[in-house]
N, C-alpha and C. Protein backbone atom coordinates (compact mmCIF):
# COMPACT_ATOMS: atom_id res chain seq x y z
N MET A 1 0.79 -0.59 0.08
CA MET A 1 -0.18 0.31 0.22
C MET A 1 1.35 0.83 0.07
N SER A 2 0.41 1.70 -1.37
CA SER A 2 1.67 3.51 -0.80
C SER A 2 0.82 4.10 0.56
N SER A 3 2.24 4.98 0.66
CA SER A 3 2.43 5.53 1.97
C SER A 3 0.86 6.44 2.80
N SER A 4 0.58 7.26 1.29
CA SER A 4 -0.30 7.92 1.24
C SER A 4 -1.56 7.18 0.90
N LYS A 5 -1.88 6.34 0.68
CA LYS A 5 -2.87 5.48 1.07
C LYS A 5 -2.76 5.17 2.45
N GLN A 6 -1.69 4.58 3.60
CA GLN A 6 -1.86 4.07 4.13
C GLN A 6 -2.21 5.43 5.46
N LEU A 7 -1.81 6.43 4.93
CA LEU A 7 -1.99 7.47 6.02
C LEU A 7 -3.35 7.92 5.80
N SER A 8 -3.96 8.02 4.58
CA SER A 8 -5.19 8.39 4.68
C SER A 8 -6.18 7.10 5.25
N LYS A 9 -6.06 5.91 5.34
CA LYS A 9 -6.67 5.22 5.87
C LYS A 9 -6.30 5.39 8.03
N ILE A 10 -5.60 5.29 7.80
CA ILE A 10 -5.32 5.75 9.75
C ILE A 10 -4.84 7.35 10.19
N SER A 11 -5.62 8.14 9.45
CA SER A 11 -5.71 9.79 8.74
C SER A 11 -6.50 9.42 11.01
N SER A 12 -8.02 8.95 10.82
CA SER A 12 -9.02 9.19 11.79
C SER A 12 -8.20 8.26 13.02
N LYS A 13 -6.91 7.24 12.85
CA LYS A 13 -6.72 6.10 14.26
C LYS A 13 -5.97 7.68 14.56
N ILE A 14 -4.84 8.14 13.81
CA ILE A 14 -3.27 9.46 15.08
C ILE A 14 -4.19 10.14 15.13
N ASN A 15 -5.71 10.28 14.97
CA ASN A 15 -7.16 11.20 15.78
C ASN A 15 -7.06 11.12 17.20
N GLU A 16 -7.46 9.33 16.90
CA GLU A 16 -8.10 8.86 18.31
C GLU A 16 -7.39 8.90 19.22
N SER A 17 -5.76 8.43 18.13
CA SER A 17 -5.15 8.18 19.13
C SER A 17 -4.44 9.18 20.11
N SER A 18 -4.65 10.48 20.04
CA SER A 18 -4.00 11.74 20.86
C SER A 18 -4.55 11.93 22.39
N PRO A 19 -3.61 11.75 23.03
CA PRO A 19 -3.58 12.35 24.96
C PRO A 19 -5.20 12.99 24.40
N LEU A 20 -5.37 14.32 23.89
CA LEU A 20 -5.80 15.32 23.67
C LEU A 20 -7.37 14.82 22.50
N HIS A 21 -7.43 13.87 22.54
CA HIS A 21 -8.51 13.47 21.38
C HIS A 21 -9.99 14.14 22.62
N GLY A 22 -10.03 13.36 23.57
CA GLY A 22 -11.25 13.64 24.64
C GLY A 22 -11.13 15.25 24.98
N PHE A 23 -10.08 15.66 24.63
CA PHE A 23 -9.93 17.49 24.70
C PHE A 23 -11.39 18.29 23.77
N TRP A 24 -10.11 17.43 22.50
CA TRP A 24 -10.97 18.48 21.47
C TRP A 24 -12.66 17.54 20.90
N GLU A 25 -13.08 16.86 21.64
CA GLU A 25 -14.63 16.79 21.09
C GLU A 25 -15.38 16.72 22.49
N SER A 26 -14.92 17.70 23.29
CA SER A 26 -15.36 18.06 24.79
C SER A 26 -15.77 19.83 24.38
N SER A 27 -16.87 20.15 25.07
CA SER A 27 -17.19 21.31 25.19
C SER A 27 -16.14 22.18 25.10
N GLN A 28 -14.85 21.83 25.90
CA GLN A 28 -13.37 22.72 25.98
C GLN A 28 -14.21 23.55 27.15
N THR A 29 -14.41 23.24 28.22
CA THR A 29 -14.65 24.11 29.44
C THR A 29 -14.22 24.02 29.82
N GLU A 30 -14.06 25.40 31.58
CA GLU A 30 -12.51 25.03 32.08
C GLU A 30 -12.29 24.03 33.00
N ARG A 31 -13.60 22.47 32.92
CA ARG A 31 -13.42 21.71 33.55
C ARG A 31 -12.72 20.56 32.90
N ASP A 32 -13.07 20.67 31.97
CA ASP A 32 -12.48 19.33 30.09
C ASP A 32 -10.60 20.13 29.89
N ASN A 33 -10.91 21.49 30.68
CA ASN A 33 -9.48 22.25 30.48
C ASN A 33 -8.07 21.38 32.00
N TYR A 34 -9.13 21.63 32.85
CA TYR A 34 -8.62 20.89 34.41
C TYR A 34 -7.85 18.88 33.92
N LEU A 35 -8.78 18.72 33.37
CA LEU A 35 -8.77 17.57 32.69
C LEU A 35 -7.88 17.23 31.89
N ARG A 36 -7.70 17.60 30.96
CA ARG A 36 -6.78 18.30 30.12
C ARG A 36 -5.23 18.42 30.59
N LEU A 37 -4.77 18.72 31.52
CA LEU A 37 -4.11 19.31 32.18
C LEU A 37 -3.61 18.02 33.56
N SER A 38 -4.34 17.36 33.66
CA SER A 38 -4.47 16.73 34.85
C SER A 38 -2.95 15.23 34.44
N ILE A 39 -2.89 15.19 33.19
CA ILE A 39 -2.46 14.48 32.48
C ILE A 39 -1.43 15.01 32.33
N VAL A 40 -0.75 15.95 32.23
CA VAL A 40 0.62 16.14 32.50
C VAL A 40 1.81 15.49 33.85
N ASN A 41 2.97 15.04 33.11
CA ASN A 41 4.18 14.87 34.44
C ASN A 41 4.31 15.87 35.20
N LYS A 42 4.08 16.25 36.63
CA LYS A 42 4.50 17.15 36.75
C LYS A 42 6.41 16.90 37.79
N GLN A 43 6.28 16.17 37.34
CA GLN A 43 7.46 16.02 37.27
C GLN A 43 9.08 16.39 35.75
N THR A 44 8.33 17.19 35.20
CA THR A 44 9.49 17.06 34.05
C THR A 44 9.72 18.31 33.91
N LEU A 45 10.91 17.41 33.69
CA LEU A 45 12.12 19.06 33.67
C LEU A 45 12.24 19.97 32.26
N HIS A 46 11.36 19.13 31.70
CA HIS A 46 11.52 19.27 30.77
C HIS A 46 10.32 21.10 29.63
N LYS A 47 11.20 22.03 30.10
CA LYS A 47 9.88 23.30 29.83
C LYS A 47 9.38 23.52 28.55
N PRO A 48 10.13 23.38 27.57
CA PRO A 48 10.05 23.88 26.71
C PRO A 48 8.16 23.14 26.41
N GLU A 49 8.93 21.84 26.34
CA GLU A 49 7.36 20.85 25.55
C GLU A 49 5.88 21.05 26.37
N LEU A 50 6.32 21.02 28.00
CA LEU A 50 5.43 21.01 28.71
C LEU A 50 4.28 22.15 28.92
N ASP A 51 6.01 23.57 28.73
CA ASP A 51 4.77 24.76 28.37
C ASP A 51 3.63 24.85 26.81
N LEU A 52 4.18 24.19 26.08
CA LEU A 52 3.15 24.34 24.43
C LEU A 52 2.18 23.10 25.32
N PHE A 53 2.47 22.11 26.15
CA PHE A 53 1.13 21.43 25.94
C PHE A 53 0.80 22.05 26.95
N ARG A 54 0.55 23.03 27.63
CA ARG A 54 -0.32 23.17 28.85
C ARG A 54 -0.31 24.72 28.59
N GLN A 55 -0.43 25.56 27.91
CA GLN A 55 -0.33 26.80 27.47
C GLN A 55 -1.08 26.53 26.12
N GLU A 56 -0.24 25.77 24.92
CA GLU A 56 -1.46 25.91 23.45
C GLU A 56 -0.78 24.42 23.18
N PRO A 57 -2.67 23.77 23.76
CA PRO A 57 -2.81 22.69 23.23
C PRO A 57 -2.97 22.27 21.96
N TYR A 58 -3.14 23.61 21.42
CA TYR A 58 -3.42 23.11 19.59
C TYR A 58 -2.51 23.13 19.25
N LYS A 59 -1.36 24.44 18.85
CA LYS A 59 -0.01 23.99 18.22
C LYS A 59 0.56 22.25 18.89
N TRP A 60 0.69 21.78 19.66
CA TRP A 60 0.66 20.57 21.11
C TRP A 60 0.44 19.64 19.85
N GLU A 61 -0.48 19.72 19.08
CA GLU A 61 -1.45 18.64 18.96
C GLU A 61 -1.37 18.42 16.99
N ILE A 62 -1.21 19.48 17.02
CA ILE A 62 -0.58 20.12 14.74
C ILE A 62 0.38 19.29 15.45
N LEU A 63 1.58 19.23 16.58
CA LEU A 63 2.58 18.69 16.05
C LEU A 63 2.94 17.46 16.50
N TYR A 64 1.75 17.13 17.07
CA TYR A 64 1.58 15.47 16.79
C TYR A 64 0.93 14.60 15.97
N GLN A 65 0.31 14.94 15.58
CA GLN A 65 -0.32 14.34 14.36
C GLN A 65 0.77 14.42 13.26
N SER A 66 1.39 15.74 12.72
CA SER A 66 3.01 16.01 11.80
C SER A 66 4.03 14.50 12.39
N VAL A 67 3.83 14.84 13.29
CA VAL A 67 4.83 13.74 13.29
C VAL A 67 4.69 12.23 13.58
N LEU A 68 2.83 12.04 13.49
CA LEU A 68 3.09 10.23 13.48
C LEU A 68 3.26 10.22 12.22
N ARG A 69 2.21 11.18 11.30
CA ARG A 69 2.47 10.38 9.79
C ARG A 69 4.15 10.32 9.05
N ASP A 70 4.56 11.40 10.00
CA ASP A 70 6.19 11.11 8.84
C ASP A 70 6.46 10.06 9.48
N ILE A 71 6.03 9.55 10.58
CA ILE A 71 7.30 8.39 10.85
C ILE A 71 6.74 7.54 10.52
N VAL A 72 4.94 7.29 9.76
CA VAL A 72 4.62 6.56 8.94
C VAL A 72 4.35 6.35 8.10
N LYS A 73 4.77 7.90 7.59
CA LYS A 73 5.68 7.43 6.02
C LYS A 73 7.35 7.21 5.98
N GLY A 74 7.69 6.81 7.06
CA GLY A 74 9.12 5.99 7.40
C GLY A 74 10.34 7.16 7.54
N ASN A 75 9.53 7.82 8.29
CA ASN A 75 10.62 8.87 8.75
C ASN A 75 10.89 8.26 10.16
N GLN A 76 12.10 8.02 10.71
CA GLN A 76 11.77 7.38 12.00
C GLN A 76 13.50 8.35 12.43
N SER A 77 14.06 9.10 12.24
CA SER A 77 14.54 10.22 13.12
C SER A 77 12.69 11.15 14.12
N SER A 78 12.15 10.69 13.25
CA SER A 78 10.68 12.29 13.74
C SER A 78 10.05 11.14 15.18
N ILE A 79 11.07 9.24 15.50
CA ILE A 79 11.07 9.29 16.76
C ILE A 79 11.50 10.02 17.72
N ASN A 80 12.51 10.39 17.33
CA ASN A 80 12.68 11.94 18.30
C ASN A 80 11.62 12.43 18.93
N SER A 81 11.41 13.02 18.11
CA SER A 81 10.05 13.77 18.29
C SER A 81 9.18 13.80 18.48
N LEU A 82 8.61 12.67 18.66
CA LEU A 82 7.75 12.19 19.32
C LEU A 82 7.74 12.21 20.62
N LYS A 83 8.67 11.63 21.49
CA LYS A 83 9.51 10.93 22.66
C LYS A 83 9.50 12.65 23.03
N ARG A 84 9.98 13.30 22.59
CA ARG A 84 9.68 15.37 22.85
C ARG A 84 8.36 15.55 23.32
N LEU A 85 7.18 15.01 22.42
CA LEU A 85 5.87 14.93 23.23
C LEU A 85 5.57 14.81 23.73
N LEU A 86 5.75 13.86 24.10
CA LEU A 86 5.07 13.04 25.29
C LEU A 86 5.74 12.58 26.60
N LEU A 87 6.86 12.64 26.62
CA LEU A 87 7.32 13.14 27.72
C LEU A 87 7.22 14.10 28.74
N VAL A 88 5.92 14.74 28.92
CA VAL A 88 5.00 16.30 28.88
C VAL A 88 3.99 15.03 30.14
N LEU A 89 3.69 14.23 29.29
CA LEU A 89 2.79 13.06 29.65
C LEU A 89 3.09 12.39 31.14
N GLU A 90 2.19 12.05 32.17
CA GLU A 90 1.82 11.53 33.04
C GLU A 90 2.30 10.18 32.95
N GLU A 91 3.30 9.50 33.11
CA GLU A 91 3.56 7.82 32.44
C GLU A 91 2.75 6.95 32.78
N ASN A 92 1.54 6.91 33.64
CA ASN A 92 0.34 5.74 32.91
C ASN A 92 -0.52 6.79 32.03
N GLU A 93 -0.72 7.89 31.70
CA GLU A 93 -1.29 8.22 30.28
C GLU A 93 -0.34 8.03 28.83
N CYS A 94 1.41 8.31 29.34
CA CYS A 94 2.12 8.23 27.78
C CYS A 94 1.96 6.21 27.65
N LYS A 95 2.08 5.94 28.86
CA LYS A 95 1.12 3.92 27.95
C LYS A 95 0.34 3.80 27.51
N LYS A 96 -0.75 4.78 27.87
CA LYS A 96 -1.14 4.31 27.33
C LYS A 96 -1.69 4.74 25.94
N VAL A 97 -0.83 5.77 25.57
CA VAL A 97 -1.20 6.65 24.53
C VAL A 97 -0.17 5.74 23.52
N LEU A 98 0.72 4.83 23.91
CA LEU A 98 1.86 4.53 22.94
C LEU A 98 1.11 2.94 23.26
N LEU A 99 0.54 1.93 23.72
CA LEU A 99 -0.42 0.79 22.60
C LEU A 99 -1.67 1.26 22.47
N ALA A 100 -2.21 2.29 22.53
CA ALA A 100 -3.42 2.85 21.55
C ALA A 100 -1.92 2.91 20.28
N LEU A 101 -1.14 3.88 20.26
CA LEU A 101 -0.63 3.81 18.55
C LEU A 101 -0.37 2.24 18.01
N LYS A 102 -0.22 1.53 18.54
CA LYS A 102 0.50 -0.39 18.27
C LYS A 102 -1.03 -0.74 18.43
N GLU A 103 -2.27 -0.84 19.06
CA GLU A 103 -3.84 -1.06 19.31
C GLU A 103 -4.07 -1.01 17.08
N LYS A 104 -3.80 0.03 17.52
CA LYS A 104 -4.39 0.62 16.25
C LYS A 104 -4.10 0.97 14.69
N GLY A 105 -2.19 0.08 15.07
CA GLY A 105 -1.39 -0.07 13.40
C GLY A 105 -1.08 1.41 12.92
N ILE A 106 -0.74 1.65 14.43
CA ILE A 106 0.19 2.97 13.90
C ILE A 106 1.45 2.98 13.52
N LEU A 107 1.65 2.55 14.76
CA LEU A 107 3.06 2.26 15.00
C LEU A 107 3.62 0.64 15.08
N ASN A 108 4.83 -0.12 14.65
CA ASN A 108 4.46 -1.65 15.55
C ASN A 108 4.93 -2.02 15.98
N THR A 109 5.41 -3.09 16.85
CA THR A 109 5.60 -3.49 18.33
C THR A 109 6.89 -3.05 18.48
N GLU A 110 7.20 -3.25 17.34
CA GLU A 110 8.87 -3.08 17.90
C GLU A 110 9.48 -1.62 18.01
N THR A 111 8.48 -0.70 17.30
CA THR A 111 9.07 0.19 17.87
C THR A 111 7.79 1.43 19.12
N VAL A 112 7.13 0.54 19.73
CA VAL A 112 6.48 0.67 20.80
C VAL A 112 6.81 0.18 21.93
N ASN A 113 7.57 -1.06 21.79
CA ASN A 113 8.55 -1.23 22.81
C ASN A 113 9.56 -0.41 22.90
N LEU A 114 10.89 0.27 21.90
CA LEU A 114 11.61 0.83 22.07
C LEU A 114 11.49 2.16 23.20
N LEU A 115 10.41 2.71 22.47
CA LEU A 115 9.34 4.29 23.29
C LEU A 115 9.09 3.90 24.57
N LEU A 116 8.53 2.75 24.76
CA LEU A 116 7.74 2.52 25.89
C LEU A 116 9.37 2.20 27.49
N GLU A 117 10.04 1.83 26.83
CA GLU A 117 10.99 1.38 27.61
C GLU A 117 11.82 2.54 27.56
N SER A 118 12.43 3.45 26.76
CA SER A 118 12.20 4.51 26.58
C SER A 118 11.42 5.95 27.66
N ALA A 119 10.60 5.73 27.34
CA ALA A 119 9.28 6.26 28.63
C ALA A 119 9.28 5.71 30.26
N ARG A 120 9.97 4.55 30.00
CA ARG A 120 10.75 4.14 31.64
C ARG A 120 12.31 4.92 32.21
N ASN A 121 12.55 4.67 31.85
CA ASN A 121 13.62 5.60 31.06
C ASN A 121 13.49 7.15 32.07
N GLN A 122 12.07 7.60 31.22
CA GLN A 122 12.14 8.79 31.59
C GLN A 122 12.25 9.83 29.94
N PHE A 123 12.81 9.03 28.74
CA PHE A 123 13.00 9.94 27.80
C PHE A 123 14.51 10.34 28.53
N GLN A 124 15.34 9.79 29.28
CA GLN A 124 16.77 10.10 28.54
C GLN A 124 16.96 10.46 27.49
N ASP A 125 17.21 10.28 27.03
CA ASP A 125 17.28 9.50 25.29
C ASP A 125 17.29 10.69 24.76
N VAL A 126 15.83 11.69 25.16
CA VAL A 126 15.37 12.43 23.85
C VAL A 126 17.22 13.91 23.57
N TYR A 127 17.62 13.62 24.31
CA TYR A 127 18.24 15.23 23.96
C TYR A 127 19.45 14.66 23.39
N GLU A 128 19.83 13.20 23.65
CA GLU A 128 20.87 12.66 22.21
C GLU A 128 21.31 13.26 21.25
N THR A 129 19.78 13.13 20.23
CA THR A 129 20.69 13.35 18.75
C THR A 129 18.87 15.00 19.19
N SER A 130 19.05 16.20 17.95
CA SER A 130 18.37 17.34 17.47
C SER A 130 17.33 16.58 17.05
N SER A 131 16.14 17.19 18.00
CA SER A 131 15.59 17.22 17.20
C SER A 131 15.08 17.47 15.58
N ASN A 132 13.76 16.23 14.83
CA ASN A 132 13.88 16.34 14.07
C ASN A 132 13.48 17.57 13.24
N ILE A 133 12.78 18.04 13.73
CA ILE A 133 11.80 19.69 13.23
C ILE A 133 12.97 20.40 12.92
N ARG A 134 13.48 20.55 13.66
CA ARG A 134 14.65 21.74 14.15
C ARG A 134 15.61 21.71 12.99
N ARG A 135 15.81 20.57 12.50
CA ARG A 135 17.58 20.26 11.84
C ARG A 135 16.74 20.19 10.21
N ASN A 136 14.99 19.36 10.34
CA ASN A 136 14.37 19.90 8.98
C ASN A 136 13.91 21.26 8.13
N PRO A 137 14.54 21.77 7.54
CA PRO A 137 13.63 23.17 7.08
C PRO A 137 12.37 22.63 6.69
N CYS A 138 12.15 21.51 4.89
CA CYS A 138 11.23 21.46 5.19
C CYS A 138 9.84 20.82 5.99
N SER A 139 10.83 20.23 7.46
CA SER A 139 9.65 19.66 8.29
C SER A 139 9.14 21.06 8.82
N PHE A 140 9.76 21.80 9.30
CA PHE A 140 8.90 22.77 9.54
C PHE A 140 8.33 23.12 9.52
N LEU A 141 9.09 23.68 7.84
CA LEU A 141 7.89 25.02 7.13
C LEU A 141 6.94 23.68 6.74
N ARG A 142 6.61 22.75 7.20
CA ARG A 142 5.44 21.68 6.87
C ARG A 142 4.21 22.14 8.11
N VAL A 143 4.76 21.90 9.53
CA VAL A 143 4.63 21.38 10.39
C VAL A 143 3.66 23.74 10.56
N LEU A 144 4.55 24.53 10.55
CA LEU A 144 4.18 26.01 10.18
C LEU A 144 2.83 25.65 10.03
N ILE A 145 2.96 25.39 8.22
CA ILE A 145 1.63 25.87 7.45
C ILE A 145 0.66 24.57 8.49
N ALA A 146 0.72 23.88 8.43
CA ALA A 146 -0.30 23.04 8.89
C ALA A 146 -0.10 23.84 10.54
N ILE A 147 0.52 24.23 11.34
CA ILE A 147 -0.03 25.00 12.90
C ILE A 147 -1.17 26.15 11.57
N PHE A 148 -1.04 27.15 10.94
CA PHE A 148 -1.73 27.51 10.88
C PHE A 148 -3.08 27.09 9.77
N THR A 149 -2.99 26.28 8.87
CA THR A 149 -4.46 25.33 7.88
C THR A 149 -4.86 25.05 8.90
N ASN A 150 -4.66 23.99 9.83
CA ASN A 150 -5.63 23.09 11.01
C ASN A 150 -5.97 22.36 9.36
N PRO A 151 -4.94 21.18 9.30
CA PRO A 151 -4.83 19.87 7.96
C PRO A 151 -5.83 18.96 8.57
N TYR A 152 -5.41 18.76 9.91
CA TYR A 152 -6.40 17.04 10.52
C TYR A 152 -7.22 18.53 11.75
N GLY A 153 -8.34 19.53 11.27
CA GLY A 153 -9.76 19.67 11.55
C GLY A 153 -10.13 19.38 12.85
N ILE A 154 -8.89 20.00 13.78
CA ILE A 154 -8.75 19.82 15.49
C ILE A 154 -9.96 21.27 15.82
N LYS A 155 -10.09 21.30 16.42
CA LYS A 155 -12.34 21.38 16.98
C LYS A 155 -11.28 22.57 17.83
N ILE A 156 -10.95 24.20 17.48
CA ILE A 156 -11.51 25.05 18.91
C ILE A 156 -12.48 25.70 18.95
N LYS A 157 -12.70 25.07 20.23
CA LYS A 157 -14.11 26.18 20.79
C LYS A 157 -13.83 27.20 22.09
N GLY A 158 -14.41 28.02 22.08
CA GLY A 158 -14.11 29.24 22.86
C GLY A 158 -13.59 29.83 22.08
N GLN A 159 -12.70 30.52 23.23
CA GLN A 159 -11.84 32.32 22.46
C GLN A 159 -10.58 31.30 22.28
N LYS A 160 -10.24 32.02 20.67
CA LYS A 160 -9.41 31.71 20.28
C LYS A 160 -8.64 32.69 20.77
N LYS A 161 -6.94 32.80 21.17
CA LYS A 161 -5.79 33.56 21.55
C LYS A 161 -4.94 34.11 20.63
N TYR A 162 -4.63 33.58 19.45
CA TYR A 162 -4.01 33.99 18.30
C TYR A 162 -3.90 33.36 17.53
N ILE A 163 -3.53 33.96 16.23
CA ILE A 163 -4.05 34.21 15.71
C ILE A 163 -3.45 32.84 14.20
N TYR A 164 -2.98 32.02 15.11
CA TYR A 164 -2.93 30.81 14.31
C TYR A 164 -3.82 29.81 14.56
N GLU A 165 -4.10 30.21 15.94
CA GLU A 165 -5.88 29.37 15.99
C GLU A 165 -7.30 29.44 15.34
N LYS A 166 -6.48 31.05 15.38
CA LYS A 166 -8.09 31.65 14.03
C LYS A 166 -7.87 30.82 13.18
N THR A 167 -6.63 31.34 12.07
CA THR A 167 -6.70 30.93 11.04
C THR A 167 -6.85 29.35 10.39
N GLY A 168 -6.44 28.77 12.00
CA GLY A 168 -6.27 26.83 11.55
C GLY A 168 -8.17 26.90 12.25
N SER A 169 -8.43 27.29 12.82
CA SER A 169 -10.31 27.62 13.04
C SER A 169 -11.02 27.50 11.94
N PHE A 170 -10.41 28.46 10.60
CA PHE A 170 -10.92 28.82 9.52
C PHE A 170 -10.78 27.76 8.57
N PHE A 171 -9.65 28.23 8.09
CA PHE A 171 -9.04 26.65 7.54
C PHE A 171 -9.65 25.26 7.82
N GLY A 172 -9.50 24.94 9.07
CA GLY A 172 -9.71 23.43 9.21
C GLY A 172 -10.91 22.74 9.99
N GLY A 173 -12.19 23.88 9.32
CA GLY A 173 -13.80 23.81 9.72
C GLY A 173 -13.35 24.09 11.48
N GLY A 174 -13.50 24.18 12.39
CA GLY A 174 -12.93 24.29 13.38
C GLY A 174 -14.09 25.83 13.23
N GLU A 175 -14.54 25.65 14.45
CA GLU A 175 -15.71 26.88 14.87
C GLU A 175 -15.46 28.55 15.13
N VAL A 176 -15.27 28.96 14.72
CA VAL A 176 -14.75 30.89 13.86
C VAL A 176 -15.08 31.99 15.27
């Protein structure tokens, strides 16, 4: 099966695997936001990733979906980027996400086992190599465009604080 057919087939599975899936499907009330924040690893020392998850969940979600699509296309160097996104999650939530990725056929058993091992070690290996998105200008540009156009149809309800949330809602079919 070609990678583009494979991607379209698993697109909804990637959406469903996200730890933020329930938040996007909710009314996004203060209570929903509290539940979203309750899955954060409170002991993580990785401030940029943590701040992104806490303060800009839409951007975190775009990165999550983009990175997984890159991995499905065969870009194994994006696994480090996935680790950086997952390290902000509480250990049980991280394990739940990884097992869902395996069960849904998004990631193979070997990859999930490597990620679970890395998670057990609190992703100590995450900074051994730099993130693929930072090294690859094409990946960076693709993610930047995705942030502004919301090709994954993420539904932002309520007030949009940033211009990219407004454009993403407009282009991606969310509530404007």
